[in-house]
Amino acid sequence: MAEPVRRRNPALHAVLFALTLLSTFFAGGAYSAASTWGEAVRNGLMHMGALMAILACHEAGHYVMARRNRVDVSLPYFIPFPVSLFGTLGAVIVMRGRIRSRDALMEIGAAGPLAGVAVALPVLLAGLRLSPVEPMQAGGMMEGQSLLYMFLKRVAVGPIPAGHDVVLHPLAWAGWIGLLVTMVNLIPVGQLDGGHIAYALWGKSHARISRLAHAGLVLLGLCTAGRGAWDYLHAASPRADAWMYVLPGSNWLVMGALLLVFGAVSKRGLSHPPTDDEVLSPRHRAIGWTCVLLFALVFMPVPLRPIL
């Protein structure tokens, strides 16, 4: 029997969506370092349109599959974040009903990342073709390098000389953020999309996988921050403030802390609610392993770091 569908008030969702449109527009215009107001507006619109399309498709994937499986689910809550390079912290939907079968859990968990990345990839490839290759400048920011991203750069612009890199066009920046969103959501911890997929694939082993994955993120953050601190302390003449050396590791430390907070709010920690049906069909198992492969391809050991 389906869970009863609760009444919805779409006004809050609409307001958050509109605010996120504005914040991604301003972030895109500011990031591009345009020389004129007209260019800044064009860049802001391109960034806004591309990034919001990626996020909307990601959330639509979850929403459609949840309704298809008769799970009561909220509309997406988009999260504006204007004081950032991205303009948003993404979006979330709230599952109000239980997901009773592992097949349904796989469909709902995997649909978002697969739908989002299906839009992000052509956006990123088109943007990379518009992105010039220039010498890297100290004081700038270097985006994370995943296997898939490095492959797409090679396809789009060819070999890149040492000391150079692409300066991302607003479309390429939105596409790269789409890969970042996909990576974060596919982390197999708690009730992230990757946590849903891990539970659907491995059942009760999810708890151990979730704890190990969380510990791995924290360890990666500590090692990266520690390496940055070592470089700062042993540099003959440090080229930046100390915080810039430890910033790359802090990305994962903040993520690890947020996962603990979300787990505490949900009162489930890093675990996952059980399903009634413990059977996963071969087709859905193949979808799960596709997501595992996708996570490996988009994983960025250092999501964002300053160029020192």
Protein backbone atom coordinates (compact mmCIF):
# COMPACT_ATOMS: atom_id res chain seq x y z
CA MET A 1 0.00 0.00 0.00
CA ALA A 2 1.28 3.46 -0.84
CA GLU A 3 2.06 5.93 1.92
CA PRO A 4 -0.57 8.70 2.17
CA VAL A 5 0.51 11.76 0.18
CA ARG A 6 0.65 14.87 2.35
CA ARG A 7 -0.55 18.28 1.27
CA ARG A 8 2.16 20.47 -0.21
CA ASN A 9 2.71 24.20 -0.17
CA PRO A 10 4.74 25.00 -3.32
CA ALA A 11 5.35 28.65 -2.35
CA LEU A 12 8.54 27.95 -0.36
CA HIS A 13 9.92 25.77 -3.14
CA ALA A 14 9.23 28.50 -5.70
CA VAL A 15 10.88 31.19 -3.59
CA LEU A 16 13.99 29.09 -2.99
CA PHE A 17 14.17 28.24 -6.69
CA ALA A 18 13.96 31.93 -7.64
CA LEU A 19 16.61 32.89 -5.07
CA THR A 20 18.89 30.14 -6.37
CA LEU A 21 18.43 31.42 -9.91
CA LEU A 22 19.60 34.83 -8.74
CA SER A 23 22.53 33.55 -6.70
CA THR A 24 23.84 31.31 -9.50
CA PHE A 25 23.44 34.22 -11.94
CA PHE A 26 25.53 36.54 -9.76
CA ALA A 27 28.11 33.83 -9.02
CA GLY A 28 28.50 33.11 -12.73
CA GLY A 29 28.94 36.76 -13.60
CA ALA A 30 31.43 37.37 -10.79
CA TYR A 31 33.45 34.20 -11.46
CA SER A 32 33.97 35.02 -15.13
CA ALA A 33 35.94 38.24 -14.43
CA ALA A 34 34.18 39.85 -17.41
CA SER A 35 35.49 43.14 -18.75
CA THR A 36 32.05 44.69 -19.38
CA TRP A 37 28.62 44.60 -17.73
CA GLY A 38 27.14 43.04 -20.85
CA GLU A 39 29.68 40.23 -20.81
CA ALA A 40 29.12 39.65 -17.10
CA VAL A 41 25.36 39.38 -17.67
CA ARG A 42 25.82 36.91 -20.53
CA ASN A 43 28.21 34.80 -18.49
CA GLY A 44 25.89 34.89 -15.48
CA LEU A 45 22.94 33.75 -17.58
CA MET A 46 24.92 30.90 -19.14
CA HIS A 47 26.19 29.70 -15.76
CA MET A 48 22.74 30.00 -14.19
CA GLY A 49 20.94 28.20 -17.00
CA ALA A 50 23.42 25.35 -17.29
CA LEU A 51 23.88 24.73 -13.57
CA MET A 52 20.19 24.96 -12.73
CA ALA A 53 19.40 22.55 -15.56
CA ILE A 54 21.87 20.04 -14.09
CA LEU A 55 20.48 20.39 -10.57
CA ALA A 56 16.86 20.33 -11.72
CA CYS A 57 17.41 17.12 -13.72
CA HIS A 58 19.18 15.53 -10.76
CA GLU A 59 16.28 16.27 -8.42
CA ALA A 60 13.69 15.40 -11.06
CA GLY A 61 15.28 11.97 -11.36
CA HIS A 62 14.72 11.34 -7.65
CA TYR A 63 11.23 12.84 -7.67
CA VAL A 64 9.95 10.91 -10.68
CA MET A 65 11.30 7.57 -9.44
CA ALA A 66 9.93 8.17 -5.95
CA ARG A 67 6.44 8.89 -7.30
CA ARG A 68 6.75 5.93 -9.68
CA ASN A 69 7.38 3.71 -6.65
CA ARG A 70 4.55 5.35 -4.66
CA VAL A 71 6.85 6.95 -2.10
CA ASP A 72 5.60 10.26 -0.71
CA VAL A 73 8.28 12.83 -1.54
CA SER A 74 8.59 16.60 -1.36
CA LEU A 75 9.32 18.93 -4.22
CA PRO A 76 12.99 19.99 -4.41
CA TYR A 77 14.30 22.56 -1.94
CA PHE A 78 16.95 24.52 -3.86
CA ILE A 79 19.59 26.12 -1.65
CA PRO A 80 20.92 29.56 -2.69
CA PHE A 81 24.45 30.45 -1.58
CA PRO A 82 25.45 33.74 -3.24
CA VAL A 83 28.74 34.23 -1.35
CA SER A 84 30.47 31.33 -3.08
CA LEU A 85 32.07 30.37 -6.37
CA PHE A 86 29.05 28.17 -7.15
CA GLY A 87 26.06 30.29 -6.15
CA THR A 88 24.28 27.32 -4.59
CA LEU A 89 24.67 24.40 -2.23
CA GLY A 90 22.56 22.24 -4.53
CA ALA A 91 19.09 21.00 -3.70
CA VAL A 92 17.43 18.36 -1.55
CA ILE A 93 14.15 16.51 -1.52
CA VAL A 94 12.58 14.94 1.55
CA MET A 95 11.35 11.34 1.49
CA ARG A 96 8.31 11.31 3.73
CA GLY A 97 7.46 7.67 3.17
CA ARG A 98 9.42 4.44 3.57
CA ILE A 99 11.14 2.87 0.60
CA ARG A 100 10.07 -0.74 1.01
CA SER A 101 12.07 -2.65 -1.62
CA ARG A 102 15.74 -2.66 -2.59
CA ASP A 103 14.78 -2.34 -6.27
CA ALA A 104 12.82 0.83 -5.51
CA LEU A 105 15.68 2.13 -3.34
CA MET A 106 18.11 1.62 -6.21
CA GLU A 107 15.85 3.37 -8.69
CA ILE A 108 15.31 6.39 -6.43
CA GLY A 109 18.93 6.66 -5.30
CA ALA A 110 20.55 6.21 -8.71
CA ALA A 111 18.12 8.27 -10.80
CA GLY A 112 19.38 11.63 -9.50
CA PRO A 113 23.12 11.23 -10.17
CA LEU A 114 22.54 9.53 -13.52
CA ALA A 115 20.09 12.20 -14.72
CA GLY A 116 22.30 15.05 -13.49
CA VAL A 117 25.50 13.73 -15.03
CA ALA A 118 23.69 13.10 -18.33
CA VAL A 119 23.20 16.88 -18.55
CA ALA A 120 26.53 17.86 -16.97
CA LEU A 121 28.68 15.95 -19.48
CA PRO A 122 27.55 17.68 -22.70
CA VAL A 123 27.51 21.05 -20.88
CA LEU A 124 31.07 20.49 -19.68
CA LEU A 125 32.33 19.31 -23.07
CA ALA A 126 30.74 22.29 -24.85
CA GLY A 127 32.18 24.65 -22.26
CA LEU A 128 35.67 23.17 -22.48
CA ARG A 129 35.70 23.80 -26.22
CA LEU A 130 35.11 27.48 -25.42
CA SER A 131 37.77 27.59 -22.69
CA PRO A 132 41.23 29.01 -23.53
CA VAL A 133 44.46 27.38 -22.38
CA GLU A 134 46.62 29.86 -20.46
CA PRO A 135 49.55 29.81 -17.99
CA MET A 136 48.46 29.12 -14.43
CA GLN A 137 48.57 32.23 -12.25
CA ALA A 138 49.50 32.14 -8.55
CA GLY A 139 46.61 33.24 -6.37
CA GLY A 140 43.96 31.64 -8.54
CA MET A 141 41.93 28.51 -7.78
CA MET A 142 42.47 25.09 -9.35
CA GLU A 143 39.41 22.89 -9.83
CA GLY A 144 39.60 19.23 -8.85
CA GLN A 145 40.83 16.71 -11.38
CA SER A 146 38.89 13.46 -11.78
CA LEU A 147 39.62 10.74 -14.32
CA LEU A 148 36.53 11.66 -16.33
CA TYR A 149 37.31 15.38 -16.22
CA MET A 150 40.91 14.86 -17.37
CA PHE A 151 39.66 12.69 -20.24
CA LEU A 152 37.14 15.31 -21.34
CA LYS A 153 39.81 18.03 -21.23
CA ARG A 154 42.03 15.91 -23.46
CA VAL A 155 39.15 15.34 -25.91
CA ALA A 156 38.10 18.99 -25.97
CA VAL A 157 41.42 20.87 -26.06
CA GLY A 158 44.11 18.26 -26.69
CA PRO A 159 47.44 18.07 -24.84
CA ILE A 160 48.00 20.90 -22.34
CA PRO A 161 51.58 22.21 -21.91
CA ALA A 162 53.23 22.02 -18.49
CA GLY A 163 52.42 25.02 -16.31
CA HIS A 164 49.23 25.70 -18.29
CA ASP A 165 45.59 24.75 -17.86
CA VAL A 166 42.17 25.64 -19.22
CA VAL A 167 40.53 28.81 -17.93
CA LEU A 168 37.00 27.56 -17.57
CA HIS A 169 34.24 29.20 -19.59
CA PRO A 170 31.03 29.72 -17.53
CA LEU A 171 29.48 26.69 -19.25
CA ALA A 172 32.50 24.56 -18.41
CA TRP A 173 32.43 25.81 -14.81
CA ALA A 174 28.77 24.81 -14.49
CA GLY A 175 29.54 21.39 -16.00
CA TRP A 176 32.44 20.86 -13.60
CA ILE A 177 30.19 21.78 -10.66
CA GLY A 178 27.77 19.16 -12.00
CA LEU A 179 30.52 16.53 -11.72
CA LEU A 180 31.31 17.75 -8.20
CA VAL A 181 27.65 17.46 -7.18
CA THR A 182 27.53 13.95 -8.66
CA MET A 183 30.67 12.93 -6.76
CA VAL A 184 29.43 14.26 -3.41
CA ASN A 185 26.03 12.62 -3.78
CA LEU A 186 27.55 9.25 -4.69
CA ILE A 187 29.67 9.04 -1.52
CA PRO A 188 28.43 5.77 0.09
CA VAL A 189 27.66 7.28 3.50
CA GLY A 190 24.40 7.43 5.42
CA GLN A 191 21.40 8.46 3.35
CA LEU A 192 23.24 10.25 0.55
CA ASP A 193 22.40 8.90 -2.90
CA GLY A 194 25.51 6.75 -2.63
CA GLY A 195 24.26 5.49 0.72
CA HIS A 196 20.95 4.44 -0.87
CA ILE A 197 22.84 2.65 -3.63
CA ALA A 198 25.21 0.96 -1.18
CA TYR A 199 22.31 -0.33 0.92
CA ALA A 200 20.48 -1.59 -2.18
CA LEU A 201 23.64 -3.40 -3.35
CA TRP A 202 24.97 -4.76 -0.07
CA GLY A 203 22.13 -4.62 2.46
CA LYS A 204 23.24 -4.78 6.09
CA SER A 205 26.89 -4.35 5.08
CA HIS A 206 25.96 -0.72 4.40
CA ALA A 207 26.64 0.22 8.03
CA ARG A 208 30.27 -0.93 7.85
CA ILE A 209 30.79 0.57 4.39
CA SER A 210 29.31 3.88 5.55
CA ARG A 211 31.59 4.09 8.59
CA LEU A 212 34.68 3.17 6.55
CA ALA A 213 33.84 5.67 3.81
CA HIS A 214 33.30 8.43 6.37
CA ALA A 215 36.57 7.60 8.12
CA GLY A 216 38.30 7.60 4.73
CA LEU A 217 37.03 11.11 3.96
CA VAL A 218 38.25 12.43 7.30
CA LEU A 219 41.62 10.70 6.89
CA LEU A 220 41.98 12.12 3.37
CA GLY A 221 41.20 15.58 4.72
CA LEU A 222 43.69 15.28 7.59
CA CYS A 223 46.46 13.97 5.33
CA THR A 224 45.89 16.69 2.72
CA ALA A 225 45.71 19.46 5.32
CA GLY A 226 48.76 18.05 7.08
CA ARG A 227 50.72 17.99 3.86
CA GLY A 228 49.74 21.61 3.23
CA ALA A 229 50.82 22.64 6.73
CA TRP A 230 54.16 20.83 6.25
CA ASP A 231 54.74 22.65 2.96
CA TYR A 232 53.96 25.99 4.59
CA LEU A 233 56.24 25.46 7.57
CA HIS A 234 59.14 24.25 5.41
CA ALA A 235 58.82 26.75 2.57
CA ALA A 236 61.77 29.14 2.28
CA SER A 237 59.35 31.95 1.55
CA PRO A 238 55.66 30.97 1.70
CA ARG A 239 53.77 32.38 -1.27
CA ALA A 240 50.41 32.79 0.43
CA ASP A 241 48.64 32.93 3.76
CA ALA A 242 48.75 29.74 5.84
CA TRP A 243 45.04 29.02 5.35
CA MET A 244 45.57 28.56 1.61
CA TYR A 245 47.93 25.65 2.28
CA VAL A 246 45.44 23.76 4.42
CA LEU A 247 42.33 24.70 2.41
CA PRO A 248 42.39 21.57 0.17
CA GLY A 249 42.18 19.24 3.17
CA SER A 250 39.52 21.31 4.89
CA ASN A 251 37.07 20.49 2.07
CA TRP A 252 36.82 16.88 3.24
CA LEU A 253 36.94 17.74 6.94
CA VAL A 254 33.93 20.04 6.54
CA MET A 255 32.15 17.35 4.52
CA GLY A 256 32.84 14.77 7.24
CA ALA A 257 31.49 17.10 9.92
CA LEU A 258 28.35 17.89 7.92
CA LEU A 259 27.62 14.19 7.43
CA LEU A 260 27.76 13.71 11.20
CA VAL A 261 25.41 16.67 11.71
CA PHE A 262 22.93 15.38 9.12
CA GLY A 263 23.09 11.94 10.70
CA ALA A 264 22.36 13.40 14.12
CA VAL A 265 19.41 15.40 12.77
CA SER A 266 17.95 12.31 11.10
CA LYS A 267 18.58 10.32 14.34
CA ARG A 268 20.12 7.49 12.30
CA GLY A 269 23.76 8.51 12.37
CA LEU A 270 25.60 7.04 9.39
CA SER A 271 23.19 4.09 9.07
CA HIS A 272 20.31 3.55 6.65
CA PRO A 273 16.65 2.61 7.23
CA PRO A 274 16.01 -1.05 6.36
CA THR A 275 13.83 -2.21 3.49
CA ASP A 276 11.22 -4.96 3.75
CA ASP A 277 12.31 -6.69 0.55
CA GLU A 278 15.94 -7.92 0.55
CA VAL A 279 15.97 -8.97 -3.13
CA LEU A 280 17.76 -6.89 -5.77
CA SER A 281 17.12 -7.80 -9.40
CA PRO A 282 20.04 -8.30 -11.82
CA ARG A 283 18.99 -5.19 -13.77
CA HIS A 284 19.02 -3.03 -10.68
CA ARG A 285 22.31 -4.55 -9.54
CA ALA A 286 23.80 -3.50 -12.90
CA ILE A 287 22.51 0.05 -12.32
CA GLY A 288 24.19 0.04 -8.92
CA TRP A 289 27.56 -1.06 -10.28
CA THR A 290 27.25 1.58 -13.00
CA CYS A 291 26.96 4.17 -10.23
CA VAL A 292 29.97 2.69 -8.42
CA LEU A 293 31.99 3.04 -11.64
CA LEU A 294 30.70 6.58 -12.15
CA PHE A 295 31.79 7.50 -8.61
CA ALA A 296 35.31 6.22 -9.34
CA LEU A 297 35.42 8.26 -12.57
CA VAL A 298 34.25 11.56 -11.03
CA PHE A 299 36.04 11.29 -7.67
CA MET A 300 38.38 14.25 -7.04
CA PRO A 301 40.92 13.71 -4.24
CA VAL A 302 41.23 17.50 -3.89
CA PRO A 303 37.99 19.19 -5.03
CA LEU A 304 39.34 22.76 -4.96
CA ARG A 305 42.74 24.22 -4.12
CA PRO A 306 44.54 27.55 -4.50
CA ILE A 307 47.40 27.89 -6.97
CA LEU A 308 50.45 28.72 -4.86
